Amino acid sequence: MGILDFLFKSKPPEEPTWEIVEKHLSIDHQKYQVRIKKGGRELYAEDFFRAAKKPRDFAFNRFFLLNEKPPKPYFAPSLPEAVDWFTGRKHPKNGYLTIWWGDRFTYECAICQAKREVPLRITQIERLTVASAIPTPREIVGWRVVEVESELTGKGIPTKRLDNYKTVPVVKWDKFPNRYLCGNCARKLAEVGRGSEALDAFVFEVK
């Protein structure tokens, strides 16, 4: 191999860091739980299946589960789209609202707004089959990110909240709260006898 080939050869693609969890939802047993967006329309899975006459009729833009607590990302038609939507690499042009979580997470102190940013790694992706056997077998498959990991707070679930009428993507950590304090502010609270206020927060050190 020549020196130029060695210097400019392309890097091999990174191996996926996630596991895929397979799930199945029968709308014959759980009616009106799935809303599907197709073009400019939004309809229940039951109506979507009823209207589908040809294979191409089963194409969809995305779907989501109603009454899910906590609410998680929408389901994409493919695995690459699910990852791209989550990380913000690409955005669907059909009203997804361009909400994304990215590949890094920022901890912001609730008092002084000091920040620390760390990598956010996808650890689990859900592959959900939505199916109906009545009157004939029909199904669609969707993909979404359902678990992530940070070096500071470990694993968590991507979800969202409403903040001043704006939907904000957040992560609900398995072992830590979603309120953050920098170490400097936490120590100052302790010095003035208000250390208990740091008990409901994750304390991080600013680098």
Protein backbone atom coordinates (compact mmCIF):
# COMPACT_ATOMS: atom_id res chain seq x y z
CA MET A 1 0.00 0.00 0.00
CA GLY A 2 1.40 3.45 -0.94
CA ILE A 3 1.82 6.23 1.58
CA LEU A 4 -1.03 8.24 0.03
CA ASP A 5 -3.36 5.24 0.15
CA PHE A 6 -2.48 4.78 3.82
CA LEU A 7 -3.08 8.44 4.70
CA PHE A 8 -6.31 8.93 2.80
CA LYS A 9 -7.99 5.56 2.98
CA SER A 10 -11.55 5.74 4.26
CA LYS A 11 -12.24 4.67 7.82
CA PRO A 12 -14.36 1.54 8.29
CA PRO A 13 -17.90 2.30 9.47
CA GLU A 14 -18.43 2.13 13.24
CA GLU A 15 -20.32 -0.85 14.60
CA PRO A 16 -23.81 -0.08 15.95
CA THR A 17 -23.87 0.37 19.72
CA TRP A 18 -27.47 -0.66 20.24
CA GLU A 19 -29.56 -3.77 20.68
CA ILE A 20 -32.88 -4.19 18.88
CA VAL A 21 -35.92 -5.12 20.95
CA GLU A 22 -38.77 -6.76 19.07
CA LYS A 23 -42.35 -6.00 20.18
CA HIS A 24 -45.79 -6.80 18.79
CA LEU A 25 -49.07 -4.93 19.19
CA SER A 26 -52.37 -6.39 18.05
CA ILE A 27 -54.99 -3.72 17.49
CA ASP A 28 -57.62 -6.45 17.54
CA HIS A 29 -57.09 -6.54 21.33
CA GLN A 30 -56.05 -2.92 21.93
CA LYS A 31 -58.18 -0.67 19.78
CA TYR A 32 -57.50 3.00 19.09
CA GLN A 33 -53.97 2.93 20.49
CA VAL A 34 -52.01 3.76 17.33
CA ARG A 35 -52.18 6.95 15.27
CA ILE A 36 -50.59 6.92 11.82
CA LYS A 37 -49.47 9.92 9.80
CA LYS A 38 -49.60 9.42 6.06
CA GLY A 39 -49.07 12.43 3.84
CA GLY A 40 -51.23 15.22 5.21
CA ARG A 41 -53.61 12.86 7.00
CA GLU A 42 -53.63 11.35 10.49
CA LEU A 43 -55.79 8.33 11.27
CA TYR A 44 -56.14 5.37 13.60
CA ALA A 45 -54.40 2.14 12.61
CA GLU A 46 -57.82 0.47 12.26
CA ASP A 47 -58.89 2.97 9.62
CA PHE A 48 -55.47 2.82 7.95
CA PHE A 49 -55.69 -0.96 7.54
CA ARG A 50 -59.31 -0.77 6.41
CA ALA A 51 -58.47 1.70 3.64
CA ALA A 52 -55.39 -0.17 2.37
CA LYS A 53 -56.16 -2.13 -0.79
CA LYS A 54 -52.74 -2.50 -2.43
CA PRO A 55 -49.20 -3.11 -1.05
CA ARG A 56 -48.22 0.52 -1.60
CA ASP A 57 -51.15 1.64 0.54
CA PHE A 58 -49.30 0.35 3.62
CA ALA A 59 -46.57 3.01 3.24
CA PHE A 60 -46.66 5.60 6.03
CA ASN A 61 -44.70 8.63 7.23
CA ARG A 62 -44.61 7.68 10.92
CA PHE A 63 -46.84 6.49 13.75
CA PHE A 64 -47.07 6.92 17.50
CA LEU A 65 -48.75 5.32 20.50
CA LEU A 66 -51.52 7.19 22.28
CA ASN A 67 -51.54 7.60 26.07
CA GLU A 68 -47.93 6.44 26.37
CA LYS A 69 -46.30 7.43 29.67
CA PRO A 70 -43.72 8.78 29.41
CA PRO A 71 -44.17 9.72 25.74
CA LYS A 72 -41.36 8.37 23.58
CA PRO A 73 -40.19 9.20 20.03
CA TYR A 74 -42.40 8.51 17.03
CA PHE A 75 -41.90 5.32 15.03
CA ALA A 76 -40.10 5.73 11.71
CA PRO A 77 -40.63 3.46 8.67
CA SER A 78 -37.02 2.20 8.83
CA LEU A 79 -34.09 1.78 11.21
CA PRO A 80 -31.84 4.37 9.44
CA GLU A 81 -34.66 6.95 9.55
CA ALA A 82 -35.23 6.31 13.26
CA VAL A 83 -31.54 6.95 14.02
CA ASP A 84 -31.39 9.99 11.73
CA TRP A 85 -34.50 11.55 13.31
CA PHE A 86 -33.17 10.95 16.81
CA THR A 87 -29.73 12.40 16.19
CA GLY A 88 -30.95 15.27 14.04
CA ARG A 89 -28.98 14.25 10.94
CA LYS A 90 -32.14 14.43 8.84
CA HIS A 91 -35.68 15.64 9.38
CA PRO A 92 -38.84 14.41 7.69
CA LYS A 93 -40.64 17.14 5.78
CA ASN A 94 -44.12 16.15 6.83
CA GLY A 95 -44.77 17.91 10.11
CA TYR A 96 -42.50 16.00 12.51
CA LEU A 97 -41.76 19.38 14.16
CA THR A 98 -37.99 18.73 13.80
CA ILE A 99 -37.63 17.66 17.43
CA TRP A 100 -34.49 15.61 18.06
CA TRP A 101 -32.21 14.51 20.92
CA GLY A 102 -28.83 14.56 19.16
CA ASP A 103 -25.69 12.55 19.87
CA ARG A 104 -24.56 14.70 22.82
CA PHE A 105 -26.30 15.70 26.06
CA THR A 106 -25.88 19.02 27.86
CA TYR A 107 -26.22 19.28 31.65
CA GLU A 108 -27.16 22.83 32.68
CA CYS A 109 -26.99 24.10 36.25
CA ALA A 110 -30.42 25.22 37.46
CA ILE A 111 -28.84 28.14 39.38
CA CYS A 112 -25.95 29.61 37.38
CA GLN A 113 -26.59 27.94 33.97
CA ALA A 114 -23.05 26.51 33.83
CA LYS A 115 -22.96 23.65 31.33
CA ARG A 116 -21.21 20.39 30.64
CA GLU A 117 -21.65 18.42 27.41
CA VAL A 118 -21.01 14.68 27.06
CA PRO A 119 -21.61 12.07 24.33
CA LEU A 120 -25.05 10.46 24.22
CA ARG A 121 -25.00 6.88 22.99
CA ILE A 122 -27.99 4.94 21.62
CA THR A 123 -28.21 1.63 23.48
CA GLN A 124 -31.62 0.25 22.50
CA ILE A 125 -33.93 0.50 19.49
CA GLU A 126 -37.48 -0.84 19.43
CA ARG A 127 -38.90 -2.60 16.38
CA LEU A 128 -42.67 -2.67 16.76
CA THR A 129 -45.04 -4.66 14.57
CA VAL A 130 -48.59 -3.30 14.60
CA ALA A 131 -50.92 -6.00 13.30
CA SER A 132 -54.53 -6.95 12.76
CA ALA A 133 -55.93 -10.36 11.88
CA ILE A 134 -59.50 -9.18 11.24
CA PRO A 135 -60.82 -9.52 8.58
CA THR A 136 -57.47 -10.50 7.00
CA PRO A 137 -53.89 -10.42 8.35
CA ARG A 138 -52.30 -6.98 7.93
CA GLU A 139 -49.32 -5.31 9.58
CA ILE A 140 -46.83 -2.44 9.52
CA VAL A 141 -43.42 -2.18 11.21
CA GLY A 142 -41.96 0.90 12.88
CA TRP A 143 -38.61 1.73 14.50
CA ARG A 144 -37.59 4.15 17.26
CA VAL A 145 -34.85 4.82 19.82
CA VAL A 146 -36.03 3.86 23.33
CA GLU A 147 -32.86 3.89 25.44
CA VAL A 148 -29.69 5.98 25.57
CA GLU A 149 -26.62 6.20 27.79
CA SER A 150 -24.42 9.00 29.15
CA GLU A 151 -21.07 8.56 30.89
CA LEU A 152 -22.32 10.69 33.80
CA THR A 153 -25.88 9.54 34.44
CA GLY A 154 -25.93 6.09 32.86
CA LYS A 155 -28.98 4.86 30.97
CA GLY A 156 -32.22 6.68 30.38
CA ILE A 157 -35.35 6.96 28.26
CA PRO A 158 -35.74 9.68 25.62
CA THR A 159 -38.98 11.54 26.22
CA LYS A 160 -40.28 15.10 25.94
CA ARG A 161 -42.01 17.82 27.92
CA LEU A 162 -43.91 21.00 27.22
CA ASP A 163 -42.00 24.17 28.15
CA ASN A 164 -43.72 27.51 27.48
CA TYR A 165 -45.91 25.89 24.81
CA LYS A 166 -42.86 24.42 23.10
CA THR A 167 -42.07 20.71 22.97
CA VAL A 168 -38.59 20.05 24.37
CA PRO A 169 -36.71 16.73 24.04
CA VAL A 170 -35.35 15.43 27.36
CA VAL A 171 -33.95 12.21 28.80
CA LYS A 172 -35.50 10.55 31.87
CA TRP A 173 -32.56 8.89 33.62
CA ASP A 174 -33.06 5.54 35.32
CA LYS A 175 -31.08 6.42 38.47
CA PHE A 176 -30.85 10.21 38.61
CA PRO A 177 -33.25 13.19 38.59
CA ASN A 178 -33.63 15.53 35.64
CA ARG A 179 -32.64 18.62 37.62
CA TYR A 180 -28.97 19.55 37.46
CA LEU A 181 -26.59 21.57 39.64
CA CYS A 182 -22.93 22.29 39.05
CA GLY A 183 -20.57 21.31 41.86
CA ASN A 184 -19.78 24.93 42.67
CA CYS A 185 -23.43 25.86 43.29
CA ALA A 186 -24.05 22.66 45.26
CA ARG A 187 -21.12 23.45 47.59
CA LYS A 188 -22.31 27.04 48.07
CA LEU A 189 -25.78 25.79 49.04
CA ALA A 190 -24.19 23.50 51.62
CA GLU A 191 -22.09 26.36 53.01
CA VAL A 192 -25.18 28.47 53.74
CA GLY A 193 -27.12 25.59 55.25
CA ARG A 194 -29.25 24.85 52.17
CA GLY A 195 -27.62 21.58 51.19
CA SER A 196 -30.97 19.78 51.19
CA GLU A 197 -31.88 21.70 48.02
CA ALA A 198 -29.25 19.70 46.16
CA LEU A 199 -30.75 16.35 47.13
CA ASP A 200 -33.26 16.39 44.26
CA ALA A 201 -30.61 17.26 41.65
CA PHE A 202 -27.76 15.53 39.85
CA VAL A 203 -24.53 17.35 40.69
CA PHE A 204 -21.90 17.57 37.94
CA GLU A 205 -18.47 19.15 37.80
CA VAL A 206 -17.78 21.72 35.10
CA LYS A 207 -14.62 21.01 33.09
